Protein backbone atom coordinates (compact mmCIF):
# COMPACT_ATOMS: atom_id res chain seq x y z
CA MET A 1 -72.45 -0.90 75.48
CA ALA A 2 -76.03 -2.11 75.78
CA LYS A 3 -76.74 -5.06 78.07
CA ASP A 4 -77.96 -7.36 75.31
CA GLN A 5 -75.36 -6.32 72.72
CA LYS A 6 -73.25 -9.25 71.57
CA LYS A 7 -69.46 -9.15 71.68
CA TYR A 8 -67.71 -10.90 68.80
CA THR A 9 -64.11 -12.05 68.73
CA GLN A 10 -61.66 -10.53 66.28
CA GLU A 11 -61.24 -13.96 64.68
CA PHE A 12 -64.99 -14.28 64.09
CA LYS A 13 -65.16 -10.80 62.54
CA GLN A 14 -62.21 -11.55 60.27
CA GLN A 15 -63.73 -14.87 59.24
CA LEU A 16 -66.91 -13.15 58.05
CA VAL A 17 -64.93 -10.45 56.26
CA ASP A 18 -62.81 -13.09 54.53
CA ARG A 19 -65.93 -14.98 53.44
CA TYR A 20 -67.46 -11.78 52.07
CA ASN A 21 -64.25 -10.91 50.20
CA THR A 22 -64.22 -14.28 48.42
CA GLY A 23 -67.26 -13.09 46.47
CA ASN A 24 -69.26 -16.18 47.39
CA TYR A 25 -71.19 -14.53 50.24
CA SER A 26 -73.39 -11.45 50.32
CA PHE A 27 -74.27 -9.34 53.36
CA PRO A 28 -77.79 -10.84 53.56
CA LYS A 29 -76.45 -14.39 53.26
CA LEU A 30 -73.83 -13.86 55.99
CA SER A 31 -76.40 -12.09 58.15
CA SER A 32 -78.92 -14.90 58.01
CA GLU A 33 -76.32 -17.65 58.33
CA TYR A 34 -74.51 -16.16 61.36
CA GLY A 35 -77.27 -14.06 62.96
CA VAL A 36 -75.33 -10.80 62.69
CA ALA A 37 -76.90 -7.57 61.40
CA LYS A 38 -76.00 -6.63 57.81
CA SER A 39 -74.88 -3.18 58.95
CA THR A 40 -72.52 -4.74 61.49
CA ILE A 41 -70.95 -6.96 58.84
CA LEU A 42 -70.66 -3.95 56.52
CA ASN A 43 -68.71 -2.05 59.19
CA TRP A 44 -66.41 -5.02 59.72
CA VAL A 45 -65.78 -5.27 55.97
CA ARG A 46 -64.99 -1.55 55.80
CA ASN A 47 -62.56 -1.76 58.72
CA LEU A 48 -60.95 -5.17 58.24
CA SER A 49 -60.64 -5.64 54.49
CA PRO A 50 -57.04 -5.60 53.30
CA ILE A 51 -55.45 -2.71 51.39
CA GLN A 52 -52.27 -3.27 49.42
CA VAL A 53 -49.93 -0.35 50.23
CA SER A 54 -46.91 -1.68 48.35
CA GLU A 55 -45.90 -4.75 46.40
CA THR A 56 -45.11 -6.62 49.60
CA GLU A 57 -47.26 -5.00 52.29
CA ILE A 58 -50.99 -5.33 52.98
CA ILE A 59 -52.76 -3.60 55.87
CA SER A 60 -56.38 -3.24 57.01
CA VAL A 61 -58.42 -0.07 56.66
CA LYS A 62 -58.35 0.24 60.44
CA GLU A 63 -54.53 0.17 60.44
CA TYR A 64 -54.46 2.64 57.54
CA LYS A 65 -56.70 5.09 59.42
CA ALA A 66 -54.51 4.75 62.52
CA LEU A 67 -51.44 5.55 60.43
CA GLN A 68 -53.17 8.61 58.95
CA LYS A 69 -54.07 9.85 62.44
CA LYS A 70 -50.51 9.31 63.65
CA MET A 71 -49.19 11.23 60.64
CA ARG A 72 -51.54 14.17 61.32
CA ASP A 73 -50.52 14.20 64.98
CA LEU A 74 -46.83 14.22 64.03
CA GLU A 75 -47.38 17.02 61.50
CA ILE A 76 -49.09 19.12 64.19
CA GLU A 77 -46.31 18.36 66.68
CA ASN A 78 -43.69 19.25 64.07
CA GLU A 79 -45.44 22.56 63.35
CA ILE A 80 -45.60 23.38 67.07
CA LEU A 81 -41.90 22.63 67.46
CA LYS A 82 -41.01 24.78 64.44
CA ASN A 83 -43.02 27.71 65.76
CA GLY A 84 -41.60 27.33 69.25
CA VAL A 85 -38.00 27.42 68.05
CA LEU A 86 -38.49 30.35 65.69
CA SER A 87 -40.48 32.51 68.12
């Protein structure tokens, strides 16, 4: 990380994402109001916006990607175990 790069709390990031998701704030407006680059806010929105996975469960994109990675890892492990037993 660069010396002068700012570190933002998870709560702050989520607050900006929530404001964006209300539809009342644009990236330029949030950027000028909070002094955070538009591209940074865009990345936060991509990673922290909620996704409804069922009628009762909502997760973030970040959590969804982690679950996908875990599933791929388990599929690979399962394939290795199948091939090891059959060989």
